Amino acid sequence: MRDPIKIIKTIRLTEKGTALSEKFNRYIFKVDDKATKLEIKYAVERIFNKKVVRVNTMNVRGKAKRHRRGAMGRTAGWKKAIVTLREGDKISLA
């Protein structure tokens, strides 16, 4: 297994993510592009000492952006993981 700190990059704090964490005990993470579901599960369990029930992943495409002179570019894509924790477990975001 790879180092858990290198697998999980950041936790995403958005309105939708906050609603998911309050209602369904799910948390959204930005993870390494090559990370698998098992590696993400292992990393969350090691870093936060919580039991993971399920991991859903998706690749988020970068958005098209226009530069000053009309040339088109694209922001970088990234991988998102939605992690469901065991009933009663919480991750403190403060």
Protein backbone atom coordinates (compact mmCIF):
# COMPACT_ATOMS: atom_id res chain seq x y z
CA MET A 1 0.00 0.00 0.00
CA ARG A 2 1.06 3.53 -0.70
CA ASP A 3 1.42 6.26 1.91
CA PRO A 4 -2.08 7.43 3.03
CA ILE A 5 -0.98 11.08 3.10
CA LYS A 6 -0.14 10.92 -0.63
CA ILE A 7 -3.48 9.32 -1.53
CA ILE A 8 -5.80 11.87 0.12
CA LYS A 9 -5.03 15.42 -1.00
CA THR A 10 -7.81 17.55 0.55
CA ILE A 11 -11.28 17.34 1.98
CA ARG A 12 -13.85 19.27 -0.05
CA LEU A 13 -15.89 21.72 2.04
CA THR A 14 -18.94 22.72 0.00
CA GLU A 15 -22.61 23.20 0.75
CA LYS A 16 -23.47 19.93 -0.94
CA GLY A 17 -20.72 18.09 0.93
CA THR A 18 -21.83 19.53 4.26
CA ALA A 19 -25.41 18.41 3.61
CA LEU A 20 -24.17 14.90 2.74
CA SER A 21 -22.12 14.70 5.92
CA GLU A 22 -24.98 15.82 8.14
CA LYS A 23 -27.69 13.69 6.55
CA PHE A 24 -25.94 10.54 5.29
CA ASN A 25 -22.55 10.54 7.11
CA ARG A 26 -20.65 10.92 3.80
CA TYR A 27 -17.55 13.02 3.20
CA ILE A 28 -16.01 14.23 -0.07
CA PHE A 29 -12.26 14.04 -0.66
CA LYS A 30 -9.97 15.11 -3.48
CA VAL A 31 -7.70 12.10 -4.02
CA ASP A 32 -4.77 11.02 -6.16
CA ASP A 33 -5.76 10.29 -9.77
CA LYS A 34 -4.39 6.74 -9.66
CA ALA A 35 -5.83 5.79 -6.25
CA THR A 36 -8.17 2.79 -6.10
CA LYS A 37 -11.21 2.40 -3.86
CA LEU A 38 -9.33 0.02 -1.55
CA GLU A 39 -6.41 2.45 -1.21
CA ILE A 40 -8.80 5.33 -0.43
CA LYS A 41 -10.59 3.23 2.19
CA TYR A 42 -7.27 2.28 3.80
CA ALA A 43 -6.05 5.90 3.79
CA VAL A 44 -9.21 7.31 5.43
CA GLU A 45 -9.20 4.58 8.09
CA ARG A 46 -5.52 5.20 8.87
CA ILE A 47 -5.62 9.03 8.90
CA PHE A 48 -8.94 9.62 10.70
CA ASN A 49 -9.23 6.33 12.69
CA LYS A 50 -12.80 5.78 11.49
CA LYS A 51 -14.48 2.73 9.93
CA VAL A 52 -15.34 3.15 6.22
CA VAL A 53 -18.42 1.37 4.90
CA ARG A 54 -18.35 2.39 1.22
CA VAL A 55 -16.25 4.40 -1.25
CA ASN A 56 -17.61 5.90 -4.47
CA THR A 57 -15.21 7.55 -6.92
CA MET A 58 -15.52 9.72 -10.00
CA ASN A 59 -13.18 11.54 -12.33
CA VAL A 60 -14.05 15.24 -12.62
CA ARG A 61 -13.16 16.74 -15.98
CA GLY A 62 -11.48 20.11 -16.17
CA LYS A 63 -13.54 23.07 -17.32
CA ALA A 64 -12.87 24.91 -20.59
CA LYS A 65 -11.50 28.39 -19.97
CA ARG A 66 -10.80 31.28 -22.32
CA HIS A 67 -7.55 33.22 -22.11
CA ARG A 68 -7.10 36.94 -22.81
CA ARG A 69 -6.51 36.68 -26.52
CA GLY A 70 -9.31 34.22 -27.19
CA ALA A 71 -7.22 31.06 -26.98
CA MET A 72 -9.02 28.22 -25.27
CA GLY A 73 -7.52 26.30 -22.41
CA ARG A 74 -8.65 23.82 -19.80
CA THR A 75 -8.31 23.55 -16.04
CA ALA A 76 -6.85 20.37 -14.63
CA GLY A 77 -9.11 17.39 -14.00
CA TRP A 78 -9.13 15.59 -10.65
CA LYS A 79 -10.53 12.55 -8.88
CA LYS A 80 -13.29 12.82 -6.29
CA ALA A 81 -14.09 10.21 -3.62
CA ILE A 82 -17.31 10.11 -1.61
CA VAL A 83 -16.64 8.10 1.55
CA THR A 84 -19.45 6.70 3.71
CA LEU A 85 -18.54 6.15 7.36
CA ARG A 86 -20.02 3.71 9.85
CA GLU A 87 -23.11 4.85 11.76
CA GLY A 88 -22.02 7.02 14.67
CA ASP A 89 -18.57 7.96 13.27
CA LYS A 90 -17.90 11.61 12.43
CA ILE A 91 -14.90 13.52 11.05
CA SER A 92 -14.29 16.82 12.81
CA LEU A 93 -13.90 19.53 10.16
CA ALA A 94 -13.05 22.36 12.58
